Amino acid sequence: MINWAANDMCQNNHKLQWVKKHIQNCAQCGPVDTMCRYGCVQCNLYYCVKCRQPPVMGDICGGGHELKYVPTLKYHSCDVCRGSISGGAYRCQECDYDVCEKCWIVKED
């Protein structure tokens, strides 16, 4: 797990941590999205990116790594909207975190 700087807390006031990948039901929406990115180790609660928005600040992922634009990223899905990526996307290789161009534009607005 990678600690991140946002002040997001679980229901028991523990600081949430960025996780590279955690396959588990989201503590908020249940089985809707099983790819969780944030969690409370003490409570064993994990959240999907729809319920807990990624703390992407500029070109940095929640793990504190630079997101780099990849012009052709096949066989990946966006970690924000969960849609298939057919063209370019912003990617953190270390965290396996991808943001499609459509979600990136919304983030920038």
N, C-alpha and C. Protein backbone atom coordinates (compact mmCIF):
# COMPACT_ATOMS: atom_id res chain seq x y z
N MET A 1 0.83 -1.19 0.00
CA MET A 1 0.00 0.00 0.00
C MET A 1 0.87 1.25 0.00
N ILE A 2 0.33 2.28 -0.58
CA ILE A 2 1.04 3.55 -0.65
C ILE A 2 0.20 4.58 0.08
N ASN A 3 0.77 5.27 1.05
CA ASN A 3 0.04 6.33 1.73
C ASN A 3 -0.12 7.52 0.80
N TRP A 4 -1.23 8.22 0.90
CA TRP A 4 -1.42 9.42 0.11
C TRP A 4 -1.88 10.54 1.00
N ALA A 5 -1.77 11.77 0.52
CA ALA A 5 -1.88 12.94 1.38
C ALA A 5 -3.28 13.47 1.61
N ALA A 6 -4.28 12.99 0.87
CA ALA A 6 -5.63 13.53 1.03
C ALA A 6 -6.17 13.23 2.43
N ASN A 7 -7.07 14.05 2.92
CA ASN A 7 -7.64 13.88 4.25
C ASN A 7 -8.91 13.05 4.22
N ASP A 8 -8.94 12.00 3.47
CA ASP A 8 -10.11 11.15 3.36
C ASP A 8 -10.03 10.09 4.46
N MET A 9 -11.10 9.96 5.21
CA MET A 9 -11.12 9.05 6.35
C MET A 9 -12.23 8.01 6.19
N CYS A 10 -12.06 6.89 6.84
CA CYS A 10 -13.11 5.87 6.87
C CYS A 10 -14.14 6.28 7.92
N GLN A 11 -15.16 5.47 8.10
CA GLN A 11 -16.23 5.77 9.04
C GLN A 11 -15.75 5.81 10.49
N ASN A 12 -14.59 5.21 10.77
CA ASN A 12 -14.03 5.21 12.12
C ASN A 12 -12.87 6.20 12.26
N ASN A 13 -12.80 7.16 11.34
CA ASN A 13 -11.81 8.23 11.34
C ASN A 13 -10.36 7.75 11.18
N HIS A 14 -10.16 6.66 10.45
CA HIS A 14 -8.81 6.24 10.08
C HIS A 14 -8.51 6.80 8.70
N LYS A 15 -7.28 7.18 8.47
CA LYS A 15 -6.88 7.71 7.17
C LYS A 15 -6.87 6.59 6.12
N LEU A 16 -7.52 6.84 4.99
CA LEU A 16 -7.53 5.86 3.91
C LEU A 16 -6.18 5.86 3.21
N GLN A 17 -5.82 4.71 2.66
CA GLN A 17 -4.57 4.55 1.94
C GLN A 17 -4.85 4.11 0.51
N TRP A 18 -4.02 4.58 -0.41
CA TRP A 18 -4.07 4.17 -1.81
C TRP A 18 -3.54 2.75 -1.89
N VAL A 19 -4.23 1.89 -2.59
CA VAL A 19 -3.75 0.53 -2.80
C VAL A 19 -3.56 0.31 -4.30
N LYS A 20 -2.56 -0.43 -4.66
CA LYS A 20 -2.29 -0.65 -6.08
C LYS A 20 -3.45 -1.35 -6.75
N LYS A 21 -3.92 -2.43 -6.18
CA LYS A 21 -5.10 -3.15 -6.67
C LYS A 21 -5.59 -4.01 -5.53
N HIS A 22 -6.87 -3.94 -5.29
CA HIS A 22 -7.44 -4.77 -4.24
C HIS A 22 -8.78 -5.28 -4.76
N ILE A 23 -8.89 -6.56 -4.97
CA ILE A 23 -10.13 -7.11 -5.50
C ILE A 23 -11.02 -7.50 -4.32
N GLN A 24 -12.01 -6.69 -4.10
CA GLN A 24 -12.94 -6.90 -2.99
C GLN A 24 -14.17 -6.04 -3.25
N ASN A 25 -15.29 -6.41 -2.67
CA ASN A 25 -16.48 -5.58 -2.81
C ASN A 25 -16.25 -4.22 -2.17
N CYS A 26 -16.76 -3.20 -2.82
CA CYS A 26 -16.66 -1.84 -2.29
C CYS A 26 -17.50 -1.74 -1.01
N ALA A 27 -16.95 -1.11 0.02
CA ALA A 27 -17.65 -0.97 1.30
C ALA A 27 -18.87 -0.06 1.20
N GLN A 28 -18.93 0.75 0.14
CA GLN A 28 -20.05 1.68 0.00
C GLN A 28 -21.11 1.17 -0.98
N CYS A 29 -20.70 0.71 -2.18
CA CYS A 29 -21.68 0.32 -3.19
C CYS A 29 -21.83 -1.19 -3.33
N GLY A 30 -21.03 -1.96 -2.61
CA GLY A 30 -21.15 -3.41 -2.65
C GLY A 30 -20.49 -4.01 -3.88
N PRO A 31 -21.16 -4.96 -4.52
CA PRO A 31 -20.54 -5.70 -5.62
C PRO A 31 -20.55 -4.97 -6.96
N VAL A 32 -20.91 -3.70 -6.99
CA VAL A 32 -21.00 -2.98 -8.25
C VAL A 32 -19.63 -2.90 -8.93
N ASP A 33 -18.59 -2.63 -8.20
CA ASP A 33 -17.25 -2.50 -8.76
C ASP A 33 -16.28 -3.15 -7.79
N THR A 34 -15.60 -4.19 -8.23
CA THR A 34 -14.74 -4.92 -7.32
C THR A 34 -13.28 -4.46 -7.36
N MET A 35 -12.96 -3.45 -8.18
CA MET A 35 -11.60 -2.93 -8.23
C MET A 35 -11.50 -1.77 -7.25
N CYS A 36 -10.99 -2.04 -6.08
CA CYS A 36 -10.88 -1.01 -5.05
C CYS A 36 -9.50 -0.38 -5.08
N ARG A 37 -9.43 0.92 -4.85
CA ARG A 37 -8.17 1.66 -4.87
C ARG A 37 -7.84 2.31 -3.54
N TYR A 38 -8.79 2.42 -2.63
CA TYR A 38 -8.57 3.09 -1.35
C TYR A 38 -9.03 2.17 -0.26
N GLY A 39 -8.33 2.19 0.86
CA GLY A 39 -8.75 1.30 1.92
C GLY A 39 -8.31 1.74 3.28
N CYS A 40 -9.00 1.18 4.25
CA CYS A 40 -8.65 1.35 5.65
C CYS A 40 -8.15 -0.01 6.13
N VAL A 41 -6.87 -0.10 6.42
CA VAL A 41 -6.27 -1.36 6.83
C VAL A 41 -6.83 -1.79 8.18
N GLN A 42 -7.01 -0.84 9.11
CA GLN A 42 -7.51 -1.17 10.44
C GLN A 42 -8.91 -1.77 10.41
N CYS A 43 -9.78 -1.24 9.57
CA CYS A 43 -11.18 -1.69 9.50
C CYS A 43 -11.41 -2.73 8.40
N ASN A 44 -10.42 -2.95 7.55
CA ASN A 44 -10.54 -3.85 6.41
C ASN A 44 -11.70 -3.44 5.50
N LEU A 45 -11.80 -2.14 5.23
CA LEU A 45 -12.81 -1.57 4.34
C LEU A 45 -12.10 -0.98 3.13
N TYR A 46 -12.63 -1.26 1.94
CA TYR A 46 -12.03 -0.77 0.72
C TYR A 46 -13.10 -0.16 -0.17
N TYR A 47 -12.73 0.85 -0.95
CA TYR A 47 -13.68 1.61 -1.76
C TYR A 47 -13.24 1.65 -3.22
N CYS A 48 -14.23 1.59 -4.13
CA CYS A 48 -13.94 1.74 -5.56
C CYS A 48 -13.75 3.22 -5.89
N VAL A 49 -13.24 3.50 -7.09
CA VAL A 49 -12.97 4.89 -7.46
C VAL A 49 -14.23 5.69 -7.73
N LYS A 50 -15.37 5.02 -7.92
CA LYS A 50 -16.62 5.77 -8.10
C LYS A 50 -17.11 6.30 -6.77
N CYS A 51 -16.91 5.56 -5.69
CA CYS A 51 -17.36 5.99 -4.37
C CYS A 51 -16.35 6.90 -3.68
N ARG A 52 -15.09 6.71 -3.94
CA ARG A 52 -14.02 7.56 -3.41
C ARG A 52 -13.17 7.99 -4.59
N GLN A 53 -13.36 9.23 -5.02
CA GLN A 53 -12.67 9.73 -6.21
C GLN A 53 -11.16 9.70 -6.04
N PRO A 54 -10.45 9.37 -7.09
CA PRO A 54 -8.99 9.33 -7.01
C PRO A 54 -8.41 10.68 -6.63
N PRO A 55 -7.42 10.68 -5.75
CA PRO A 55 -6.78 11.95 -5.39
C PRO A 55 -5.74 12.34 -6.41
N VAL A 56 -6.15 12.42 -7.68
CA VAL A 56 -5.22 12.79 -8.74
C VAL A 56 -5.05 14.29 -8.71
N MET A 57 -3.82 14.73 -8.51
CA MET A 57 -3.54 16.15 -8.43
C MET A 57 -2.59 16.51 -9.54
N GLY A 58 -3.10 17.19 -10.56
CA GLY A 58 -2.27 17.49 -11.73
C GLY A 58 -1.96 16.21 -12.47
N ASP A 59 -0.70 15.93 -12.65
CA ASP A 59 -0.27 14.74 -13.38
C ASP A 59 0.24 13.66 -12.44
N ILE A 60 -0.25 13.63 -11.20
CA ILE A 60 0.23 12.70 -10.19
C ILE A 60 -0.91 11.77 -9.76
N CYS A 61 -0.64 10.47 -9.72
CA CYS A 61 -1.66 9.51 -9.28
C CYS A 61 -1.77 9.54 -7.75
N GLY A 62 -2.69 8.81 -7.20
CA GLY A 62 -2.88 8.75 -5.75
C GLY A 62 -1.69 8.18 -5.01
N GLY A 63 -0.84 7.44 -5.71
CA GLY A 63 0.36 6.89 -5.11
C GLY A 63 1.55 7.84 -5.16
N GLY A 64 1.34 9.03 -5.74
CA GLY A 64 2.40 10.02 -5.80
C GLY A 64 3.32 9.89 -7.00
N HIS A 65 2.90 9.11 -8.02
CA HIS A 65 3.72 8.91 -9.21
C HIS A 65 3.18 9.75 -10.37
N GLU A 66 4.07 10.09 -11.28
CA GLU A 66 3.69 10.88 -12.45
C GLU A 66 2.83 10.04 -13.40
N LEU A 67 1.72 10.63 -13.86
CA LEU A 67 0.90 10.01 -14.90
C LEU A 67 1.48 10.43 -16.24
N LYS A 68 1.77 9.46 -17.08
CA LYS A 68 2.35 9.75 -18.39
C LYS A 68 1.35 9.39 -19.48
N TYR A 69 1.29 10.25 -20.50
CA TYR A 69 0.39 10.00 -21.61
C TYR A 69 0.96 8.90 -22.50
N VAL A 70 0.13 7.90 -22.79
CA VAL A 70 0.49 6.81 -23.69
C VAL A 70 -0.46 6.91 -24.89
N PRO A 71 0.06 7.18 -26.11
CA PRO A 71 -0.82 7.42 -27.26
C PRO A 71 -1.67 6.22 -27.67
N THR A 72 -1.20 5.01 -27.45
CA THR A 72 -1.97 3.81 -27.79
C THR A 72 -1.87 2.86 -26.61
N LEU A 73 -2.98 2.68 -25.92
CA LEU A 73 -3.01 1.80 -24.75
C LEU A 73 -4.13 0.79 -24.95
N LYS A 74 -3.80 -0.34 -25.54
CA LYS A 74 -4.80 -1.36 -25.84
C LYS A 74 -4.94 -2.33 -24.67
N TYR A 75 -6.09 -2.96 -24.60
CA TYR A 75 -6.39 -4.00 -23.61
C TYR A 75 -6.33 -3.50 -22.16
N HIS A 76 -6.69 -2.23 -21.97
CA HIS A 76 -6.76 -1.64 -20.64
C HIS A 76 -8.13 -1.02 -20.47
N SER A 77 -8.53 -0.80 -19.23
CA SER A 77 -9.78 -0.08 -18.96
C SER A 77 -9.47 1.10 -18.05
N CYS A 78 -10.28 2.13 -18.16
CA CYS A 78 -10.12 3.34 -17.37
C CYS A 78 -10.49 3.03 -15.92
N ASP A 79 -9.63 3.43 -14.99
CA ASP A 79 -9.90 3.19 -13.58
C ASP A 79 -10.90 4.17 -12.99
N VAL A 80 -11.34 5.16 -13.77
CA VAL A 80 -12.35 6.10 -13.30
C VAL A 80 -13.73 5.68 -13.81
N CYS A 81 -13.90 5.54 -15.14
CA CYS A 81 -15.22 5.21 -15.70
C CYS A 81 -15.40 3.72 -15.98
N ARG A 82 -14.32 2.93 -15.88
CA ARG A 82 -14.31 1.48 -16.10
C ARG A 82 -14.51 1.10 -17.57
N GLY A 83 -14.54 2.07 -18.49
CA GLY A 83 -14.70 1.78 -19.91
C GLY A 83 -13.41 1.31 -20.54
N SER A 84 -13.53 0.60 -21.67
CA SER A 84 -12.35 0.14 -22.40
C SER A 84 -11.63 1.33 -23.01
N ILE A 85 -10.32 1.29 -22.99
CA ILE A 85 -9.51 2.34 -23.59
C ILE A 85 -9.16 1.87 -25.01
N SER A 86 -9.57 2.67 -25.99
CA SER A 86 -9.32 2.29 -27.38
C SER A 86 -8.23 3.13 -28.02
N GLY A 87 -7.87 4.24 -27.39
CA GLY A 87 -6.84 5.11 -27.93
C GLY A 87 -5.79 5.40 -26.89
N GLY A 88 -5.54 6.68 -26.69
CA GLY A 88 -4.55 7.10 -25.71
C GLY A 88 -5.14 7.23 -24.32
N ALA A 89 -4.26 7.27 -23.32
CA ALA A 89 -4.68 7.42 -21.94
C ALA A 89 -3.50 7.89 -21.10
N TYR A 90 -3.80 8.35 -19.91
CA TYR A 90 -2.77 8.73 -18.95
C TYR A 90 -2.57 7.55 -18.01
N ARG A 91 -1.31 7.19 -17.77
CA ARG A 91 -1.02 5.94 -17.08
C ARG A 91 0.08 6.09 -16.04
N CYS A 92 -0.12 5.40 -14.91
CA CYS A 92 0.93 5.18 -13.94
C CYS A 92 1.28 3.70 -14.02
N GLN A 93 2.43 3.40 -14.56
CA GLN A 93 2.85 2.00 -14.73
C GLN A 93 3.00 1.31 -13.38
N GLU A 94 3.56 2.00 -12.40
CA GLU A 94 3.84 1.38 -11.10
C GLU A 94 2.56 0.95 -10.38
N CYS A 95 1.52 1.78 -10.44
CA CYS A 95 0.26 1.46 -9.76
C CYS A 95 -0.74 0.75 -10.67
N ASP A 96 -0.42 0.62 -11.95
CA ASP A 96 -1.36 0.07 -12.93
C ASP A 96 -2.65 0.87 -12.89
N TYR A 97 -2.52 2.18 -13.00
CA TYR A 97 -3.63 3.12 -12.90
C TYR A 97 -3.74 3.87 -14.23
N ASP A 98 -4.92 3.79 -14.86
CA ASP A 98 -5.14 4.40 -16.17
C ASP A 98 -6.34 5.33 -16.14
N VAL A 99 -6.22 6.48 -16.83
CA VAL A 99 -7.33 7.43 -16.96
C VAL A 99 -7.50 7.71 -18.45
N CYS A 100 -8.68 7.39 -19.00
CA CYS A 100 -8.93 7.62 -20.42
C CYS A 100 -8.98 9.12 -20.72
N GLU A 101 -8.86 9.46 -22.00
CA GLU A 101 -8.85 10.87 -22.40
C GLU A 101 -10.14 11.58 -22.02
N LYS A 102 -11.27 10.90 -22.12
CA LYS A 102 -12.56 11.51 -21.78
C LYS A 102 -12.61 11.90 -20.30
N CYS A 103 -12.21 11.00 -19.42
CA CYS A 103 -12.21 11.30 -17.98
C CYS A 103 -11.15 12.34 -17.64
N TRP A 104 -10.04 12.34 -18.37
CA TRP A 104 -8.98 13.33 -18.13
C TRP A 104 -9.49 14.72 -18.45
N ILE A 105 -10.25 14.86 -19.54
CA ILE A 105 -10.81 16.16 -19.92
C ILE A 105 -11.78 16.64 -18.85
N VAL A 106 -12.63 15.75 -18.34
CA VAL A 106 -13.58 16.11 -17.28
C VAL A 106 -12.82 16.55 -16.04
N LYS A 107 -11.75 15.85 -15.69
CA LYS A 107 -10.94 16.17 -14.52
C LYS A 107 -10.35 17.57 -14.64
N GLU A 108 -9.94 17.93 -15.86
CA GLU A 108 -9.30 19.22 -16.09
C GLU A 108 -10.28 20.38 -16.00
N ASP A 109 -11.57 20.14 -16.29
CA ASP A 109 -12.58 21.23 -16.29
C ASP A 109 -12.92 21.72 -14.91
